[in-house]
Amino acid sequence: MKQELLTKLRLERASKRIDSIVLSSSLDRLLVMVWAATMVSKQEFRTAERFLEVPGEALDQSIESSWRIHEWELETFLNEVLSRQGADLGTATRNSNFDPRKWSSLAECINATKSLEEAEYLAMRQPTEVLEEMRRIAHRQFQWQSGLTNKLSVYRSTYLYAFKTAKAAFESKLGVSLEAFQKYGFALWTTALSSPHVAAIRNLEFLDVSEAEQRICADLISIQPSQLQQMNEELRSDNVEAAYKPSLLRQRPAVCVDGAPDHLFLPVPDILIERISAGIYYDVVAPNFAMTREMGERFEGYIFNLFSAQFGEFRVQRETTYTFKRHEVKTPDLFIGRTERLDCIVECKATRMPLRAKFGIGTAAIAERNELELAKAITQIWKYVAHKRLNLIPDDLSVTETTIGVVCTLDNWTVMSDNRRADFIAAAHQIAHEKHPEICDSDKIPITFCAVEDLELLIIGSNYETMVEALSIATDPQYAGWHVSHLHGRNFPGNGTQQNHPIIRSIKDSFPWLSKLEAKAASSD
């Protein structure tokens, strides 16, 4: 009982520490401070110093530096600040020494956020394995570490979600074309890299975006003060740690403040790029089953393009059909090998990972449903091997003793989690036993899981032989939860990103107007 009381008091103190910051500064000054901190993390020190005192030690933003700024902490802090706007902060007191231009005040904001996270963890979390907690942390941080503005990520999201019917649905639902939305977002982001607040409406004739379209786009990406209470109730009212609650900024990365209706604050500009790319999924694809199915088909095509563009001299083949017990059966999605000798059998799963599943706060039903989807992917691979052994498939491909299975996922289901990988494989064994008795133990080839962003890095930084070897190494249970690209770098050092990769060239072709925007930005410097 005493420990529970102490934990409760610690949580109250940590929350009041954030309350005090909110009382000690206007919202616009806090937004500018966070923007300047973001520029420090990008090592844009001269830009940051216009609004924030940056000590010499903070010029070291290496991963080992204790002065390093972590943008995921800034995002959590901002969400806590926004959730308190207009709220009754009770007995919290104003800190007269708080000055958003001083580094010590930024440090207080970050430390207060960490204190809140630690207090909430003690108050809310059940005993859990260390690796399970590391998985939650990895899901929170990895996206920032790999870069929200990663060009491959933007290209991939647009390829997957911006197909013809989705574009039409986007324009019908939101009143502006997807192309205009993305142009407007990139234009704002470019400006926000040099200024904490930007004009909501500007001259974008060179991008063929009208003023009327800009107003619609601005409304879609910005939070108005009058909207904060409702958005907080919808997104952040669950009794979950602040670090793992849905982020207001992921839906609306720009913030409006009272008295400046024509200006947008973009405190963490890179979130805007995610909103206009990956965010498209939640605008139109997620609510529509037919579009979700089409997205899955496009995901298979995207993975095929990744392999075939880089390894075209080898055999990269898509799925076929065959007859089994008078029914048409599909093979796995992709086959990769040297001529007819198979090195990898690939099954693609575009199942999105719910926020609750990422952070271990979902219901058992959600976990079981998603586990079943990944287990089915494994079983599909094993079933193909069994049917090849039984001479039921009339193709010239051959499975060898070194052939492996690869389950390629849109989200990273197994990062830092050997338990989750083991659960998927155990469920696949159960499905095989109950529904596919023709599968024997020799058909159950080794399986590795590889998220698409990991696969992109692997393919771009490897040759065919090292790529296959890295995937094979990743089937070893001791490497469960590892990124395959990291395993590749560890075992085959010296392979760097190949900037001439066909996928990278296609990114430039997909956004031809970006060159106009870059030229415009360069001319204004």
Protein backbone atom coordinates (compact mmCIF):
# COMPACT_ATOMS: atom_id res chain seq x y z
CA MET A 1 0.00 0.00 0.00
CA LYS A 2 2.83 2.40 0.89
CA GLN A 3 4.58 1.67 -2.42
CA GLU A 4 1.37 2.30 -4.34
CA LEU A 5 0.95 5.66 -2.60
CA LEU A 6 4.54 6.65 -3.37
CA THR A 7 4.07 5.66 -7.03
CA LYS A 8 0.88 7.72 -7.23
CA LEU A 9 2.59 10.76 -5.68
CA ARG A 10 5.51 10.41 -8.10
CA LEU A 11 3.10 10.38 -11.04
CA GLU A 12 1.28 13.46 -9.72
CA ARG A 13 4.57 15.36 -9.29
CA ALA A 14 5.71 14.42 -12.80
CA SER A 15 2.42 15.55 -14.31
CA LYS A 16 2.49 18.86 -12.41
CA ARG A 17 6.00 19.43 -13.75
CA ILE A 18 4.56 19.49 -17.28
CA ASP A 19 1.64 21.62 -16.02
CA SER A 20 4.11 24.17 -14.70
CA ILE A 21 5.84 24.44 -18.08
CA VAL A 22 2.50 25.06 -19.80
CA LEU A 23 1.69 27.82 -17.29
CA SER A 24 5.14 29.38 -17.70
CA SER A 25 5.08 30.04 -21.43
CA SER A 26 2.72 30.79 -24.28
CA LEU A 27 2.04 27.97 -26.71
CA ASP A 28 3.69 29.73 -29.64
CA ARG A 29 6.97 30.16 -27.73
CA LEU A 30 7.01 26.49 -26.78
CA LEU A 31 6.37 25.51 -30.40
CA VAL A 32 9.30 27.68 -31.53
CA MET A 33 11.55 26.17 -28.86
CA VAL A 34 10.73 22.63 -29.98
CA TRP A 35 11.29 23.60 -33.62
CA ALA A 36 14.73 24.98 -32.71
CA ALA A 37 15.53 21.77 -30.84
CA THR A 38 14.52 19.82 -33.94
CA MET A 39 16.99 21.89 -35.97
CA VAL A 40 19.70 21.06 -33.44
CA SER A 41 18.96 17.35 -33.95
CA LYS A 42 19.41 17.95 -37.69
CA GLN A 43 22.69 19.73 -36.93
CA GLU A 44 21.33 22.96 -38.41
CA PHE A 45 22.91 24.91 -35.56
CA ARG A 46 22.93 28.38 -37.11
CA THR A 47 19.25 28.07 -37.91
CA ALA A 48 18.47 26.90 -34.38
CA GLU A 49 20.52 29.65 -32.71
CA ARG A 50 18.16 32.31 -34.03
CA PHE A 51 15.65 31.10 -31.45
CA LEU A 52 17.54 29.02 -28.89
CA GLU A 53 20.80 29.33 -27.00
CA VAL A 54 22.81 26.29 -28.07
CA PRO A 55 25.75 25.39 -25.80
CA GLY A 56 28.95 24.10 -27.33
CA GLU A 57 28.40 20.61 -25.92
CA ALA A 58 25.14 20.33 -27.88
CA LEU A 59 27.04 20.64 -31.14
CA ASP A 60 27.85 16.96 -30.70
CA GLN A 61 24.69 15.25 -31.90
CA SER A 62 26.30 11.86 -32.37
CA ILE A 63 24.38 8.82 -31.19
CA GLU A 64 26.68 8.49 -28.16
CA SER A 65 26.31 12.11 -27.02
CA SER A 66 24.40 12.81 -23.80
CA TRP A 67 23.41 16.13 -25.42
CA ARG A 68 21.72 14.44 -28.36
CA ILE A 69 18.16 15.60 -29.09
CA HIS A 70 15.66 12.79 -29.68
CA GLU A 71 12.70 13.84 -31.77
CA TRP A 72 10.43 11.14 -30.33
CA GLU A 73 10.81 12.84 -26.93
CA LEU A 74 9.96 16.21 -28.46
CA GLU A 75 6.84 14.69 -30.02
CA THR A 76 5.70 13.23 -26.70
CA PHE A 77 6.35 16.52 -24.91
CA LEU A 78 4.33 18.46 -27.48
CA ASN A 79 1.42 16.07 -27.22
CA GLU A 80 1.39 16.57 -23.46
CA VAL A 81 1.49 20.35 -23.92
CA LEU A 82 -1.33 20.33 -26.45
CA SER A 83 -3.46 18.08 -24.25
CA ARG A 84 -3.25 20.67 -21.47
CA GLN A 85 -4.25 23.73 -23.50
CA GLY A 86 -7.32 25.28 -21.93
CA ALA A 87 -7.45 22.64 -19.19
CA ASP A 88 -7.73 23.30 -15.47
CA LEU A 89 -4.20 22.69 -14.18
CA GLY A 90 -5.26 22.75 -10.54
CA THR A 91 -2.50 23.58 -8.08
CA ALA A 92 0.35 23.80 -10.61
CA THR A 93 2.45 26.95 -10.29
CA ARG A 94 4.23 29.11 -12.81
CA ASN A 95 8.04 28.92 -13.04
CA SER A 96 9.30 32.50 -13.32
CA ASN A 97 12.76 31.29 -14.43
CA PHE A 98 11.41 29.42 -17.47
CA ASP A 99 12.57 31.03 -20.71
CA PRO A 100 11.98 29.11 -23.98
CA ARG A 101 15.09 30.70 -25.51
CA LYS A 102 17.38 29.07 -22.94
CA TRP A 103 18.80 25.59 -23.25
CA SER A 104 18.15 24.96 -19.58
CA SER A 105 14.41 25.42 -20.24
CA LEU A 106 14.53 22.95 -23.14
CA ALA A 107 16.34 20.52 -20.84
CA GLU A 108 13.58 20.98 -18.25
CA CYS A 109 10.96 20.11 -20.90
CA ILE A 110 12.77 16.93 -21.94
CA ASN A 111 13.58 15.87 -18.39
CA ALA A 112 10.00 16.53 -17.27
CA THR A 113 8.78 14.32 -20.13
CA LYS A 114 11.17 11.54 -19.14
CA SER A 115 10.06 11.82 -15.51
CA LEU A 116 6.44 11.51 -16.60
CA GLU A 117 7.23 8.44 -18.72
CA GLU A 118 9.10 6.77 -15.86
CA ALA A 119 6.35 7.52 -13.35
CA GLU A 120 3.66 6.26 -15.71
CA TYR A 121 5.62 3.08 -16.36
CA LEU A 122 5.81 2.33 -12.63
CA ALA A 123 2.12 3.11 -12.18
CA MET A 124 0.67 1.33 -15.22
CA ARG A 125 2.88 -1.45 -16.54
CA GLN A 126 2.54 -5.07 -15.59
CA PRO A 127 5.68 -7.16 -15.10
CA THR A 128 7.08 -7.91 -18.54
CA GLU A 129 10.17 -9.41 -20.11
CA VAL A 130 13.05 -7.09 -20.93
CA LEU A 131 12.92 -7.99 -24.63
CA GLU A 132 9.20 -7.19 -24.77
CA GLU A 133 9.89 -3.73 -23.36
CA MET A 134 12.75 -3.28 -25.82
CA ARG A 135 10.33 -4.10 -28.64
CA ARG A 136 8.01 -1.29 -27.53
CA ILE A 137 10.94 1.10 -27.40
CA ALA A 138 12.15 0.01 -30.83
CA HIS A 139 8.74 0.64 -32.40
CA ARG A 140 8.72 4.13 -30.92
CA GLN A 141 12.24 5.05 -31.96
CA PHE A 142 13.18 3.17 -35.13
CA GLN A 143 11.07 5.27 -37.46
CA TRP A 144 12.81 8.40 -36.24
CA GLN A 145 16.24 6.80 -36.46
CA SER A 146 15.69 5.69 -40.05
CA GLY A 147 14.17 9.08 -40.96
CA LEU A 148 10.55 10.07 -41.56
CA THR A 149 11.67 11.91 -44.70
CA ASN A 150 13.46 8.86 -46.09
CA LYS A 151 12.78 9.10 -49.83
CA LEU A 152 12.17 5.37 -50.14
CA SER A 153 9.52 5.56 -47.44
CA VAL A 154 7.73 8.44 -49.18
CA TYR A 155 7.92 6.68 -52.54
CA ARG A 156 6.72 3.38 -51.07
CA SER A 157 3.73 4.93 -49.32
CA THR A 158 2.70 6.79 -52.46
CA TYR A 159 3.11 3.66 -54.57
CA LEU A 160 1.03 1.56 -52.17
CA TYR A 161 -1.73 4.00 -51.29
CA ALA A 162 -2.02 6.44 -54.19
CA PHE A 163 -3.56 4.15 -56.77
CA LYS A 164 -6.35 5.30 -59.08
CA THR A 165 -9.39 4.43 -56.94
CA ALA A 166 -7.69 5.72 -53.78
CA LYS A 167 -6.88 9.03 -55.47
CA ALA A 168 -10.50 9.40 -56.55
CA ALA A 169 -11.74 8.56 -53.05
CA PHE A 170 -9.28 11.02 -51.50
CA GLU A 171 -10.49 13.89 -53.69
CA SER A 172 -14.14 12.98 -53.18
CA LYS A 173 -13.81 12.74 -49.41
CA LEU A 174 -11.46 15.64 -48.71
CA GLY A 175 -12.16 18.05 -51.56
CA VAL A 176 -8.67 18.31 -53.00
CA SER A 177 -6.54 16.11 -55.23
CA LEU A 178 -3.88 13.95 -53.64
CA GLU A 179 -1.24 15.47 -55.89
CA ALA A 180 -2.11 19.00 -54.74
CA PHE A 181 -2.06 17.78 -51.11
CA GLN A 182 1.43 16.32 -51.50
CA LYS A 183 2.74 19.36 -53.37
CA TYR A 184 1.39 21.66 -50.66
CA GLY A 185 2.92 19.49 -47.92
CA PHE A 186 6.33 19.39 -49.52
CA ALA A 187 6.25 23.16 -50.09
CA LEU A 188 5.44 23.79 -46.43
CA TRP A 189 8.07 21.33 -45.25
CA THR A 190 10.77 22.98 -47.36
CA THR A 191 9.97 26.37 -45.80
CA ALA A 192 9.65 24.92 -42.29
CA LEU A 193 13.28 23.79 -42.40
CA SER A 194 14.29 27.44 -42.11
CA SER A 195 11.43 28.97 -40.12
CA PRO A 196 9.29 27.70 -37.20
CA HIS A 197 6.11 29.15 -38.65
CA VAL A 198 5.03 29.48 -42.25
CA ALA A 199 2.30 31.27 -44.14
CA ALA A 200 -0.65 28.96 -44.68
CA ILE A 201 -1.26 30.47 -48.12
CA ARG A 202 1.55 31.40 -50.49
CA ASN A 203 2.24 31.63 -54.19
CA LEU A 204 2.39 28.07 -55.47
CA GLU A 205 1.54 28.79 -59.08
CA PHE A 206 4.81 27.16 -60.13
CA LEU A 207 3.40 23.92 -58.68
CA ASP A 208 -0.10 24.46 -60.10
CA VAL A 209 -1.69 24.56 -56.63
CA SER A 210 -4.42 27.20 -56.32
CA GLU A 211 -5.20 29.31 -53.27
CA ALA A 212 -8.49 27.45 -52.79
CA GLU A 213 -6.66 24.10 -52.79
CA GLN A 214 -4.13 25.45 -50.31
CA ARG A 215 -6.87 26.45 -47.87
CA ILE A 216 -8.31 22.94 -47.94
CA CYS A 217 -4.87 21.43 -47.45
CA ALA A 218 -4.10 23.78 -44.57
CA ASP A 219 -7.30 22.72 -42.81
CA LEU A 220 -6.42 19.05 -43.27
CA ILE A 221 -2.97 19.25 -41.68
CA SER A 222 -3.46 21.86 -38.93
CA ILE A 223 -4.85 21.83 -35.41
CA GLN A 224 -6.98 24.81 -34.44
CA PRO A 225 -7.16 25.78 -30.74
CA SER A 226 -10.90 25.07 -30.78
CA GLN A 227 -10.24 21.48 -31.92
CA LEU A 228 -7.81 20.47 -29.21
CA GLN A 229 -10.29 19.29 -26.59
CA GLN A 230 -12.20 17.03 -28.97
CA MET A 231 -9.04 15.60 -30.53
CA ASN A 232 -7.59 14.85 -27.10
CA GLU A 233 -10.76 13.05 -26.09
CA GLU A 234 -10.72 10.99 -29.27
CA LEU A 235 -7.03 10.11 -29.35
CA ARG A 236 -5.42 10.46 -25.95
CA SER A 237 -8.02 9.70 -23.31
CA ASP A 238 -7.03 6.04 -22.79
CA ASN A 239 -5.21 5.16 -19.59
CA VAL A 240 -1.95 4.45 -21.41
CA GLU A 241 1.56 5.85 -20.99
CA ALA A 242 2.03 9.19 -22.75
CA ALA A 243 4.84 7.80 -24.93
CA TYR A 244 2.52 5.20 -26.45
CA LYS A 245 -0.69 7.15 -26.93
CA PRO A 246 -1.72 8.14 -30.48
CA SER A 247 -0.05 11.39 -31.46
CA LEU A 248 -2.14 14.45 -32.34
CA LEU A 249 0.70 15.57 -34.60
CA ARG A 250 0.58 12.44 -36.75
CA GLN A 251 -2.91 13.44 -37.85
CA ARG A 252 -2.30 17.19 -37.92
CA PRO A 253 1.39 18.11 -37.81
CA ALA A 254 0.82 21.89 -38.01
CA VAL A 255 -0.49 23.94 -35.08
CA CYS A 256 -2.38 27.22 -35.20
CA VAL A 257 -2.30 29.59 -32.24
CA ASP A 258 -4.69 32.30 -31.18
CA GLY A 259 -3.93 35.62 -32.82
CA ALA A 260 -2.11 34.17 -35.85
CA PRO A 261 -4.77 32.42 -37.95
CA ASP A 262 -2.82 32.72 -41.22
CA HIS A 263 0.35 31.09 -39.93
CA LEU A 264 1.11 27.45 -39.26
CA PHE A 265 3.67 26.28 -36.70
CA LEU A 266 5.48 23.10 -37.73
CA PRO A 267 7.47 22.28 -34.60
CA VAL A 268 8.68 18.90 -35.91
CA PRO A 269 8.59 19.38 -39.70
CA ASP A 270 9.37 15.80 -40.70
CA ILE A 271 6.04 14.57 -39.30
CA LEU A 272 4.37 16.51 -42.13
CA ILE A 273 6.12 14.33 -44.71
CA GLU A 274 4.77 11.21 -43.02
CA ARG A 275 1.29 12.75 -42.98
CA ILE A 276 1.24 13.36 -46.76
CA SER A 277 2.66 9.91 -47.58
CA ALA A 278 2.00 7.12 -45.06
CA GLY A 279 -0.96 9.08 -43.68
CA ILE A 280 -2.85 8.54 -46.94
CA TYR A 281 -3.57 5.00 -45.75
CA TYR A 282 -5.73 6.28 -42.90
CA ASP A 283 -7.46 8.87 -45.09
CA VAL A 284 -8.96 6.50 -47.63
CA VAL A 285 -7.49 2.99 -47.67
CA ALA A 286 -8.02 1.70 -44.11
CA PRO A 287 -11.81 2.29 -44.01
CA ASN A 288 -12.40 0.45 -47.31
CA PHE A 289 -11.94 -3.32 -47.57
CA ALA A 290 -11.72 -3.31 -51.37
CA MET A 291 -8.96 -0.71 -51.26
CA THR A 292 -7.15 -2.66 -48.55
CA ARG A 293 -7.19 -5.66 -50.85
CA GLU A 294 -5.85 -3.62 -53.77
CA MET A 295 -3.14 -2.22 -51.52
CA GLY A 296 -2.13 -5.80 -50.70
CA GLU A 297 -1.80 -6.59 -54.40
CA ARG A 298 0.28 -3.45 -54.94
CA PHE A 299 2.49 -4.44 -52.02
CA GLU A 300 3.26 -7.73 -53.76
CA GLY A 301 4.08 -5.76 -56.92
CA TYR A 302 6.32 -3.40 -54.98
CA ILE A 303 8.34 -6.26 -53.48
CA PHE A 304 8.63 -7.86 -56.92
CA ASN A 305 9.93 -4.57 -58.33
CA LEU A 306 12.49 -4.28 -55.52
CA PHE A 307 13.97 -7.68 -56.30
CA SER A 308 13.67 -7.62 -60.08
CA ALA A 309 15.11 -4.11 -60.47
CA GLN A 310 18.24 -5.04 -58.54
CA PHE A 311 18.63 -8.70 -59.46
CA GLY A 312 17.14 -8.85 -62.96
CA GLU A 313 19.83 -11.22 -64.20
CA PHE A 314 18.56 -13.83 -61.76
CA ARG A 315 15.15 -15.44 -61.71
CA VAL A 316 12.49 -13.36 -59.96
CA GLN A 317 9.06 -14.83 -60.62
CA ARG A 318 5.57 -13.94 -59.39
CA GLU A 319 2.87 -16.32 -58.20
CA THR A 320 1.11 -18.84 -60.41
CA THR A 321 -1.87 -21.16 -59.89
CA TYR A 322 -2.29 -24.92 -60.00
CA THR A 323 -5.04 -27.44 -59.28
CA PHE A 324 -5.23 -29.39 -56.03
CA LYS A 325 -8.23 -31.57 -55.15
CA ARG A 326 -10.18 -29.94 -58.01
CA HIS A 327 -9.61 -26.46 -56.63
CA GLU A 328 -7.44 -23.71 -58.02
CA VAL A 329 -4.62 -22.96 -55.58
CA LYS A 330 -2.23 -20.01 -55.59
CA THR A 331 1.47 -20.45 -55.01
CA PRO A 332 3.38 -18.08 -52.68
CA ASP A 333 3.81 -14.55 -54.05
CA LEU A 334 7.44 -14.59 -55.26
CA PHE A 335 10.20 -17.00 -56.18
CA ILE A 336 13.84 -15.97 -56.28
CA GLY A 337 16.68 -18.11 -57.48
CA ARG A 338 19.48 -18.87 -59.90
CA THR A 339 17.58 -20.10 -62.96
CA GLU A 340 15.29 -22.90 -61.69
CA ARG A 341 17.10 -23.43 -58.35
CA LEU A 342 15.14 -21.65 -55.64
CA ASP A 343 16.97 -19.66 -53.00
CA CYS A 344 13.96 -17.85 -51.50
CA ILE A 345 10.22 -18.43 -51.49
CA VAL A 346 8.55 -15.15 -50.53
CA GLU A 347 5.09 -14.54 -49.13
CA CYS A 348 4.01 -10.88 -48.75
CA LYS A 349 1.71 -9.65 -45.99
CA ALA A 350 0.47 -6.06 -46.07
CA THR A 351 -1.38 -6.48 -42.76
CA ARG A 352 -0.95 -3.20 -40.87
CA MET A 353 0.19 -3.35 -37.28
CA PRO A 354 -2.24 -1.52 -35.00
CA LEU A 355 -0.72 1.01 -32.61
CA ARG A 356 -1.91 -1.08 -29.67
CA ALA A 357 -0.14 -4.17 -31.03
CA LYS A 358 3.12 -2.25 -31.47
CA PHE A 359 3.14 -1.17 -27.86
CA GLY A 360 1.73 -4.27 -26.24
CA ILE A 361 -1.56 -2.69 -25.16
CA GLY A 362 -3.94 -4.47 -27.51
CA THR A 363 -6.61 -6.98 -26.69
CA ALA A 364 -6.02 -10.71 -26.98
CA ALA A 365 -8.44 -10.81 -29.93
CA ILE A 366 -6.35 -8.29 -31.90
CA ALA A 367 -3.16 -10.21 -31.16
CA GLU A 368 -4.65 -13.56 -32.18
CA ARG A 369 -6.12 -12.20 -35.43
CA ASN A 370 -2.84 -10.70 -36.54
CA GLU A 371 -0.86 -13.73 -35.40
CA LEU A 372 -3.10 -15.90 -37.57
CA GLU A 373 -2.36 -13.80 -40.69
CA LEU A 374 1.40 -14.17 -40.28
CA ALA A 375 1.09 -17.86 -39.46
CA LYS A 376 -0.92 -18.41 -42.66
CA ALA A 377 1.93 -16.85 -44.64
CA ILE A 378 4.35 -19.41 -43.21
CA THR A 379 1.96 -22.27 -43.92
CA GLN A 380 1.53 -21.08 -47.51
CA ILE A 381 5.27 -21.47 -48.05
CA TRP A 382 5.41 -24.91 -46.43
CA LYS A 383 2.38 -26.06 -48.42
CA TYR A 384 4.12 -25.12 -51.69
CA VAL A 385 7.20 -27.13 -50.70
CA ALA A 386 5.00 -30.12 -49.85
CA HIS A 387 3.13 -29.92 -53.14
CA LYS A 388 6.41 -29.66 -55.06
CA ARG A 389 7.61 -32.80 -53.31
CA LEU A 390 4.38 -34.53 -54.30
CA ASN A 391 4.77 -33.38 -57.94
CA LEU A 392 1.49 -31.48 -57.85
CA ILE A 393 2.86 -28.22 -59.29
CA PRO A 394 3.76 -28.20 -63.00
CA ASP A 395 6.60 -25.65 -62.97
CA ASP A 396 10.34 -25.99 -63.49
CA LEU A 397 11.35 -24.57 -60.12
CA SER A 398 13.21 -26.79 -57.69
CA VAL A 399 13.36 -26.63 -53.91
CA THR A 400 16.79 -27.51 -52.49
CA GLU A 401 18.19 -28.19 -49.03
CA THR A 402 19.23 -24.51 -48.79
CA THR A 403 15.93 -22.95 -49.90
CA ILE A 404 14.45 -20.64 -47.26
CA GLY A 405 11.09 -18.98 -46.77
CA VAL A 406 10.76 -15.20 -46.37
CA VAL A 407 7.67 -13.54 -44.96
CA CYS A 408 7.87 -9.92 -46.08
CA THR A 409 5.66 -7.58 -44.06
CA LEU A 410 4.56 -3.99 -44.47
CA ASP A 411 5.06 -3.31 -40.76
CA ASN A 412 7.79 -4.69 -38.53
CA TRP A 413 6.02 -7.41 -36.58
CA THR A 414 9.06 -9.14 -35.10
CA VAL A 415 11.52 -6.34 -34.27
CA MET A 416 13.33 -7.06 -30.98
CA SER A 417 10.97 -9.94 -30.23
CA ASP A 418 12.02 -13.58 -30.37
CA ASN A 419 8.80 -14.56 -28.58
CA ARG A 420 6.59 -13.11 -31.27
CA ARG A 421 8.49 -14.90 -34.04
CA ALA A 422 8.23 -18.16 -32.10
CA ASP A 423 4.48 -17.61 -31.65
CA PHE A 424 3.97 -17.13 -35.40
CA ILE A 425 5.88 -20.31 -36.23
CA ALA A 426 4.09 -22.32 -33.52
CA ALA A 427 0.73 -21.17 -34.90
CA ALA A 428 1.87 -22.18 -38.41
CA HIS A 429 2.71 -25.69 -37.15
CA GLN A 430 -0.79 -25.90 -35.69
CA ILE A 431 -2.45 -24.81 -38.95
CA ALA A 432 -0.36 -27.29 -40.92
CA HIS A 433 -1.32 -30.09 -38.55
CA GLU A 434 -5.06 -29.31 -38.65
CA LYS A 435 -5.61 -28.28 -42.28
CA HIS A 436 -2.72 -29.52 -44.39
CA PRO A 437 -1.81 -33.09 -43.42
CA GLU A 438 0.26 -33.46 -46.58
CA ILE A 439 2.90 -31.14 -45.05
CA CYS A 440 5.62 -33.21 -43.39
CA ASP A 441 8.54 -32.04 -41.27
CA SER A 442 10.96 -31.95 -44.21
CA ASP A 443 8.66 -29.46 -45.97
CA LYS A 444 8.92 -26.96 -43.11
CA ILE A 445 11.86 -25.01 -44.48
CA PRO A 446 13.49 -22.30 -42.32
CA ILE A 447 11.57 -19.02 -42.20
CA THR A 448 12.72 -15.45 -41.71
CA PHE A 449 10.62 -12.32 -41.31
CA CYS A 450 11.65 -9.11 -43.04
CA ALA A 451 9.79 -5.80 -42.92
CA VAL A 452 9.75 -3.88 -46.17
CA GLU A 453 11.87 -0.96 -44.92
CA ASP A 454 14.46 -3.50 -43.77
CA LEU A 455 14.28 -5.29 -47.13
CA GLU A 456 14.83 -2.01 -49.00
CA LEU A 457 18.03 -1.33 -47.07
CA LEU A 458 19.17 -4.93 -47.54
CA ILE A 459 18.63 -4.98 -51.31
CA ILE A 460 20.10 -1.55 -51.96
CA GLY A 461 23.24 -2.38 -49.97
CA SER A 462 23.94 -5.92 -51.16
CA ASN A 463 24.70 -8.14 -54.12
CA TYR A 464 22.66 -11.25 -54.83
CA GLU A 465 24.88 -13.70 -52.98
CA THR A 466 25.23 -11.59 -49.82
CA MET A 467 21.51 -10.80 -49.84
CA VAL A 468 20.57 -14.49 -49.90
CA GLU A 469 23.17 -15.33 -47.27
CA ALA A 470 21.92 -12.59 -44.92
CA LEU A 471 18.33 -13.82 -45.24
CA SER A 472 19.53 -17.35 -44.55
CA ILE A 473 21.45 -16.27 -41.45
CA ALA A 474 18.31 -14.48 -40.22
CA THR A 475 16.39 -17.79 -40.08
CA ASP A 476 18.50 -18.79 -37.07
CA PRO A 477 16.36 -18.29 -33.93
CA GLN A 478 19.26 -16.57 -32.18
CA TYR A 479 18.78 -13.64 -34.59
CA ALA A 480 15.02 -13.37 -34.07
CA GLY A 481 14.09 -9.69 -33.90
CA TRP A 482 17.21 -8.50 -35.72
CA HIS A 483 16.99 -6.32 -38.81
CA VAL A 484 18.29 -8.40 -41.71
CA SER A 485 20.05 -5.34 -43.15
CA HIS A 486 21.98 -5.04 -39.86
CA LEU A 487 22.94 -8.71 -40.07
CA HIS A 488 24.13 -8.09 -43.61
CA GLY A 489 26.26 -5.13 -42.51
CA ARG A 490 27.71 -7.18 -39.69
CA ASN A 491 28.63 -10.15 -41.88
CA PHE A 492 29.48 -8.29 -45.09
CA PRO A 493 30.94 -4.91 -44.11
CA GLY A 494 31.77 -2.41 -46.80
CA ASN A 495 28.62 -2.69 -48.89
CA GLY A 496 27.18 0.84 -49.06
CA THR A 497 23.91 2.22 -50.41
CA GLN A 498 23.92 2.14 -54.20
CA GLN A 499 22.60 5.51 -55.31
CA ASN A 500 22.14 4.27 -58.89
CA HIS A 501 19.61 1.63 -57.84
CA PRO A 502 16.62 1.62 -60.24
CA ILE A 503 14.16 2.12 -57.37
CA ILE A 504 15.95 5.31 -56.31
CA ARG A 505 15.82 6.56 -59.89
CA SER A 506 12.09 5.79 -60.04
CA ILE A 507 11.53 7.97 -56.97
CA LYS A 508 12.72 10.96 -58.97
CA ASP A 509 10.42 10.00 -61.84
CA SER A 510 7.40 9.70 -59.53
CA PHE A 511 7.67 13.25 -58.20
CA PRO A 512 8.87 15.30 -61.20
CA TRP A 513 7.64 18.52 -59.56
CA LEU A 514 10.09 18.09 -56.67
CA SER A 515 12.87 19.46 -58.87
CA LYS A 516 10.85 22.69 -59.30
CA LEU A 517 10.41 22.95 -55.54
CA GLU A 518 14.09 22.29 -54.87
CA ALA A 519 15.09 24.91 -57.45
CA LYS A 520 12.70 27.43 -55.89
CA ALA A 521 14.10 26.76 -52.42
CA ALA A 522 17.68 27.10 -53.67
CA SER A 523 16.95 30.43 -55.36
CA SER A 524 15.50 31.88 -52.14
CA ASP A 525 18.49 30.91 -49.97
